[in-house]
Amino acid sequence: MKPLLVVDGDSLFHRAYHAMPKTINLNGVLGFTNMLVRLWESEEPRAVLVGWDTLEVPTYRHEAFEPYQSGREFEQSLLEQLARMPELVTALGFAAAKGAGYEADDFLAAGVAFEEKRRGTAVVATSDRDIFQLASKRTTILQPVRGVSELARIGPDEVRERYGVDPEQVPDFIALRGDPSDKLPGAAGVGPKKAADVLREYRTLEDALAAGRFSAEAEDLRLYRRIATLDASAPLPPLEDQAPTWAEASVLVRDWGLDRLADRLAALA
């Protein structure tokens, strides 16, 4: 059975934007689209779902913890290109998921849950290690290693090797260790090794708290775990089998002045 390809749109778009020279017209659009085509060719999925953040609207995570992701600033060119991407994904014949109150990560979790429920398999392309919590026998994480051209395949064994915990323990691990990129401080004095040791001993954050560990920080740690846990109830577009509409996307990107990309997509059609 062919997999569902689930793509973290924001994560990989940012990576593509910064990997491509700024002198290239719509460098992020070009880099991301080329990467998406390579993924489609290499994974041969039955369908593609691309999840996006809604940067203008806070999520429950921002409302529950004011410092969450604070201080992030993006170039205007990046934001202008990013706004075009859901339209392009749809023109390619793929599914785009975006909605106020949800992050791209939530749509990834929802897509994986949908596919696993129908006893299918999924591959999730992202550079965000929070997504390691989705790794399973049916779901593999594709993590960019060099630019956007080389990908590492992460399953449950690789998560255990890197973090020392099982995939389902990753939100508890993040709560204890913290996450500088999201401004989550974690437990005082706890780094990756100690966080993994705690979870090996107690299995869950809740069990560690019940045993009297981190009592002064208990409610904060519960909040960090909630923030780190992906919301698989995020609403999804239909995910029936897809046939890429390369010709339609070729017309769109030619209108944007990306003639070489348009020619490539037209050749695929």
Protein backbone atom coordinates (compact mmCIF):
# COMPACT_ATOMS: atom_id res chain seq x y z
CA MET A 1 0.00 0.00 0.00
CA LYS A 2 1.32 3.42 -0.93
CA PRO A 3 1.89 5.81 2.01
CA LEU A 4 0.28 9.12 2.80
CA LEU A 5 2.99 11.78 2.49
CA VAL A 6 2.51 14.39 5.23
CA VAL A 7 4.60 17.55 4.89
CA ASP A 8 5.36 20.25 7.47
CA GLY A 9 4.89 23.17 5.11
CA ASP A 10 6.29 25.93 7.32
CA SER A 11 9.28 23.94 8.55
CA LEU A 12 10.43 22.90 5.09
CA PHE A 13 9.55 26.20 3.44
CA HIS A 14 11.76 28.07 5.92
CA ARG A 15 14.54 25.58 5.23
CA ALA A 16 14.16 25.97 1.46
CA TYR A 17 14.01 29.77 1.68
CA HIS A 18 17.28 30.00 3.60
CA ALA A 19 19.00 27.35 1.45
CA MET A 20 18.32 29.17 -1.84
CA PRO A 21 20.12 32.40 -2.87
CA LYS A 22 18.02 35.49 -2.13
CA THR A 23 18.83 36.79 -5.61
CA ILE A 24 16.58 34.12 -7.17
CA ASN A 25 13.02 35.23 -7.87
CA LEU A 26 10.66 33.62 -5.32
CA ASN A 27 13.55 31.54 -4.00
CA GLY A 28 11.48 29.88 -1.26
CA VAL A 29 8.64 28.97 -3.62
CA LEU A 30 11.13 27.47 -6.05
CA GLY A 31 13.09 25.54 -3.42
CA PHE A 32 10.02 24.20 -1.63
CA THR A 33 8.29 23.12 -4.85
CA ASN A 34 11.38 21.30 -6.09
CA MET A 35 11.63 19.54 -2.73
CA LEU A 36 7.95 18.56 -2.81
CA VAL A 37 8.33 17.12 -6.31
CA ARG A 38 11.39 15.13 -5.18
CA LEU A 39 9.44 13.76 -2.23
CA TRP A 40 6.55 12.77 -4.48
CA GLU A 41 8.94 11.02 -6.86
CA SER A 42 10.91 9.21 -4.13
CA GLU A 43 8.04 8.18 -1.84
CA GLU A 44 5.38 7.48 -4.51
CA PRO A 45 2.58 8.36 -2.09
CA ARG A 46 -1.11 7.69 -2.60
CA ALA A 47 -1.78 11.29 -1.52
CA VAL A 48 0.01 14.35 -0.14
CA LEU A 49 -1.08 16.51 2.81
CA VAL A 50 0.79 19.77 3.53
CA GLY A 51 0.13 21.46 6.88
CA TRP A 52 0.62 25.19 7.45
CA ASP A 53 0.73 27.56 10.40
CA THR A 54 -1.55 30.60 10.58
CA LEU A 55 0.99 33.14 11.78
CA GLU A 56 -1.48 36.01 12.23
CA VAL A 57 -3.64 34.20 14.81
CA PRO A 58 -2.45 32.88 18.20
CA THR A 59 -3.13 29.26 19.14
CA TYR A 60 -4.10 27.95 22.56
CA ARG A 61 -0.38 27.42 23.14
CA HIS A 62 0.34 31.15 22.80
CA GLU A 63 -2.63 32.00 25.00
CA ALA A 64 -1.68 29.49 27.71
CA PHE A 65 2.01 30.47 27.83
CA GLU A 66 2.84 34.02 26.80
CA PRO A 67 6.57 33.46 26.03
CA TYR A 68 5.73 30.60 23.61
CA GLN A 69 7.66 31.15 20.35
CA SER A 70 8.21 34.82 21.31
CA GLY A 71 10.87 36.86 19.58
CA ARG A 72 10.53 35.21 16.19
CA GLU A 73 10.88 37.68 13.33
CA PHE A 74 10.63 36.86 9.63
CA GLU A 75 11.74 38.74 6.53
CA GLN A 76 8.91 40.34 4.56
CA SER A 77 9.96 38.45 1.43
CA LEU A 78 9.63 35.14 3.29
CA LEU A 79 6.14 36.02 4.56
CA GLU A 80 4.96 37.15 1.13
CA GLN A 81 6.15 33.92 -0.47
CA LEU A 82 4.80 31.77 2.34
CA ALA A 83 1.32 33.23 1.79
CA ARG A 84 1.31 31.85 -1.77
CA MET A 85 2.11 28.27 -0.82
CA PRO A 86 -1.32 26.80 0.04
CA GLU A 87 -2.58 27.96 -3.38
CA LEU A 88 0.36 26.26 -5.09
CA VAL A 89 -0.08 23.04 -3.12
CA THR A 90 -3.74 22.94 -4.17
CA ALA A 91 -2.80 23.64 -7.79
CA LEU A 92 -0.48 20.62 -7.63
CA GLY A 93 -3.50 18.47 -6.78
CA PHE A 94 -2.43 17.95 -3.18
CA ALA A 95 -4.25 18.71 0.08
CA ALA A 96 -3.41 21.87 2.04
CA ALA A 97 -4.45 22.15 5.70
CA LYS A 98 -4.46 25.53 7.43
CA GLY A 99 -6.74 26.95 10.08
CA ALA A 100 -6.84 29.54 12.84
CA GLY A 101 -5.90 28.11 16.21
CA TYR A 102 -3.84 25.24 14.81
CA GLU A 103 -0.19 24.82 13.91
CA ALA A 104 1.19 22.83 11.00
CA ASP A 105 2.29 20.20 13.53
CA ASP A 106 -1.33 19.59 14.54
CA PHE A 107 -2.36 18.87 10.96
CA LEU A 108 0.56 16.46 10.67
CA ALA A 109 -0.66 14.60 13.74
CA ALA A 110 -4.21 14.54 12.41
CA GLY A 111 -3.04 13.22 9.04
CA VAL A 112 -1.00 10.46 10.65
CA ALA A 113 -3.92 9.50 12.92
CA PHE A 114 -6.24 9.38 9.91
CA GLU A 115 -3.90 7.14 7.95
CA GLU A 116 -3.07 4.80 10.81
CA LYS A 117 -6.78 4.43 11.61
CA ARG A 118 -7.36 3.16 8.07
CA ARG A 119 -4.39 0.83 8.60
CA GLY A 120 -2.25 2.64 6.09
CA THR A 121 1.30 3.95 6.42
CA ALA A 122 2.56 7.52 6.52
CA VAL A 123 5.82 9.35 5.93
CA VAL A 124 6.17 12.76 7.57
CA ALA A 125 8.65 15.28 6.15
CA THR A 126 9.77 17.87 8.70
CA SER A 127 12.85 19.32 10.37
CA ASP A 128 10.93 19.70 13.67
CA ARG A 129 11.97 17.07 16.21
CA ASP A 130 8.73 17.53 18.18
CA ILE A 131 7.24 15.37 15.41
CA PHE A 132 9.27 12.38 16.67
CA GLN A 133 6.25 11.67 18.90
CA LEU A 134 4.44 10.46 15.75
CA ALA A 135 6.97 7.74 14.87
CA SER A 136 5.48 4.25 14.93
CA LYS A 137 5.46 0.92 13.09
CA ARG A 138 3.26 2.59 10.48
CA THR A 139 4.75 6.11 10.45
CA THR A 140 8.27 7.19 9.52
CA ILE A 141 9.68 10.69 9.95
CA LEU A 142 11.75 12.11 7.08
CA GLN A 143 14.18 14.63 8.54
CA PRO A 144 16.37 16.86 6.31
CA VAL A 145 20.05 16.30 7.04
CA ARG A 146 21.79 18.55 4.52
CA GLY A 147 19.87 21.42 2.96
CA VAL A 148 16.69 19.89 1.59
CA SER A 149 18.28 17.19 -0.55
CA GLU A 150 19.25 14.48 1.97
CA LEU A 151 16.73 12.93 4.36
CA ALA A 152 17.18 10.69 7.41
CA ARG A 153 14.44 8.14 8.06
CA ILE A 154 13.37 8.17 11.72
CA GLY A 155 11.32 5.35 13.24
CA PRO A 156 10.78 4.34 16.87
CA ASP A 157 14.27 2.82 17.15
CA GLU A 158 15.93 6.02 15.92
CA VAL A 159 13.89 8.10 18.38
CA ARG A 160 15.08 5.86 21.24
CA GLU A 161 18.66 6.11 19.98
CA ARG A 162 18.58 9.93 19.77
CA TYR A 163 16.49 10.78 22.84
CA GLY A 164 16.62 7.67 25.02
CA VAL A 165 12.81 7.57 25.20
CA ASP A 166 9.94 6.01 23.23
CA PRO A 167 8.05 8.19 20.71
CA GLU A 168 4.98 8.44 22.97
CA GLN A 169 7.23 9.83 25.73
CA VAL A 170 8.51 12.72 23.59
CA PRO A 171 6.02 15.34 24.92
CA ASP A 172 6.98 14.41 28.51
CA PHE A 173 10.65 14.55 27.50
CA ILE A 174 10.23 18.03 25.97
CA ALA A 175 8.36 19.23 29.08
CA LEU A 176 11.23 18.14 31.31
CA ARG A 177 14.14 19.08 29.05
CA GLY A 178 12.61 22.27 27.67
CA ASP A 179 12.67 23.55 24.11
CA PRO A 180 14.64 26.77 23.47
CA SER A 181 13.13 27.27 20.00
CA ASP A 182 9.63 27.41 21.53
CA LYS A 183 10.81 29.21 24.69
CA LEU A 184 9.79 26.30 26.94
CA PRO A 185 12.17 26.38 29.95
CA GLY A 186 11.66 22.79 31.13
CA ALA A 187 12.42 21.66 34.68
CA ALA A 188 15.18 23.49 36.54
CA GLY A 189 18.53 21.76 36.15
CA VAL A 190 17.21 19.08 33.81
CA GLY A 191 18.90 18.43 30.47
CA PRO A 192 18.31 15.73 27.85
CA LYS A 193 20.09 12.93 29.74
CA LYS A 194 18.34 13.56 33.05
CA ALA A 195 14.96 13.93 31.33
CA ALA A 196 15.44 10.54 29.67
CA ASP A 197 16.59 9.00 32.98
CA VAL A 198 13.47 10.29 34.75
CA LEU A 199 11.21 8.82 32.09
CA ARG A 200 13.01 5.49 32.13
CA GLU A 201 12.42 5.33 35.88
CA TYR A 202 8.83 6.62 36.03
CA ARG A 203 7.65 6.11 32.42
CA THR A 204 5.54 9.30 32.39
CA LEU A 205 5.82 12.84 33.68
CA GLU A 206 2.58 12.34 35.61
CA ASP A 207 4.00 9.29 37.41
CA ALA A 208 7.14 11.24 38.30
CA LEU A 209 5.01 14.05 39.73
CA ALA A 210 2.90 11.52 41.68
CA ALA A 211 6.13 10.20 43.21
CA GLY A 212 6.97 13.67 44.48
CA ARG A 213 9.47 14.69 41.81
CA PHE A 214 9.45 18.35 40.64
CA SER A 215 6.61 19.20 43.04
CA ALA A 216 7.31 22.96 42.95
CA GLU A 217 7.11 22.96 39.14
CA ALA A 218 4.31 20.43 38.67
CA GLU A 219 1.70 22.70 37.08
CA ASP A 220 4.26 24.40 34.83
CA LEU A 221 5.53 21.03 33.61
CA ARG A 222 1.99 19.85 32.88
CA LEU A 223 1.49 23.00 30.82
CA TYR A 224 4.73 22.45 28.89
CA ARG A 225 3.67 18.86 28.15
CA ARG A 226 0.28 20.07 26.89
CA ILE A 227 2.01 22.60 24.64
CA ALA A 228 4.40 19.94 23.30
CA THR A 229 1.59 17.46 22.59
CA LEU A 230 0.26 17.62 19.05
CA ASP A 231 -3.48 18.03 18.52
CA ALA A 232 -4.61 15.18 16.28
CA SER A 233 -8.17 16.55 16.25
CA ALA A 234 -7.19 19.34 13.83
CA PRO A 235 -9.65 19.46 10.89
CA LEU A 236 -8.44 17.86 7.66
CA PRO A 237 -9.37 18.26 4.00
CA PRO A 238 -10.40 15.09 2.12
CA LEU A 239 -7.52 12.63 1.78
CA GLU A 240 -8.64 10.31 -1.00
CA ASP A 241 -6.02 9.03 -3.45
CA GLN A 242 -4.67 11.86 -5.59
CA ALA A 243 -3.34 12.33 -9.10
CA PRO A 244 -0.99 15.33 -9.29
CA THR A 245 -2.17 18.17 -11.55
CA TRP A 246 1.24 19.22 -12.78
CA ALA A 247 -0.12 21.18 -15.75
CA GLU A 248 -2.34 23.38 -13.57
CA ALA A 249 0.56 24.13 -11.24
CA SER A 250 2.79 24.85 -14.24
CA VAL A 251 0.40 27.56 -15.43
CA LEU A 252 0.29 29.11 -11.95
CA VAL A 253 4.06 29.31 -11.41
CA ARG A 254 4.58 30.64 -14.94
CA ASP A 255 2.22 33.47 -14.03
CA TRP A 256 4.54 34.09 -11.06
CA GLY A 257 7.56 34.37 -13.39
CA LEU A 258 9.06 30.95 -12.55
CA ASP A 259 9.50 29.74 -16.12
CA ARG A 260 12.06 26.99 -15.47
CA LEU A 261 9.95 25.53 -12.68
CA ALA A 262 6.91 25.79 -14.95
CA ASP A 263 8.77 23.86 -17.65
CA ARG A 264 9.73 21.16 -15.16
CA LEU A 265 6.14 20.75 -13.97
CA ALA A 266 4.85 20.75 -17.55
CA ALA A 267 7.32 17.97 -18.40
CA LEU A 268 5.95 15.89 -15.52
CA ALA A 269 2.44 16.36 -16.94
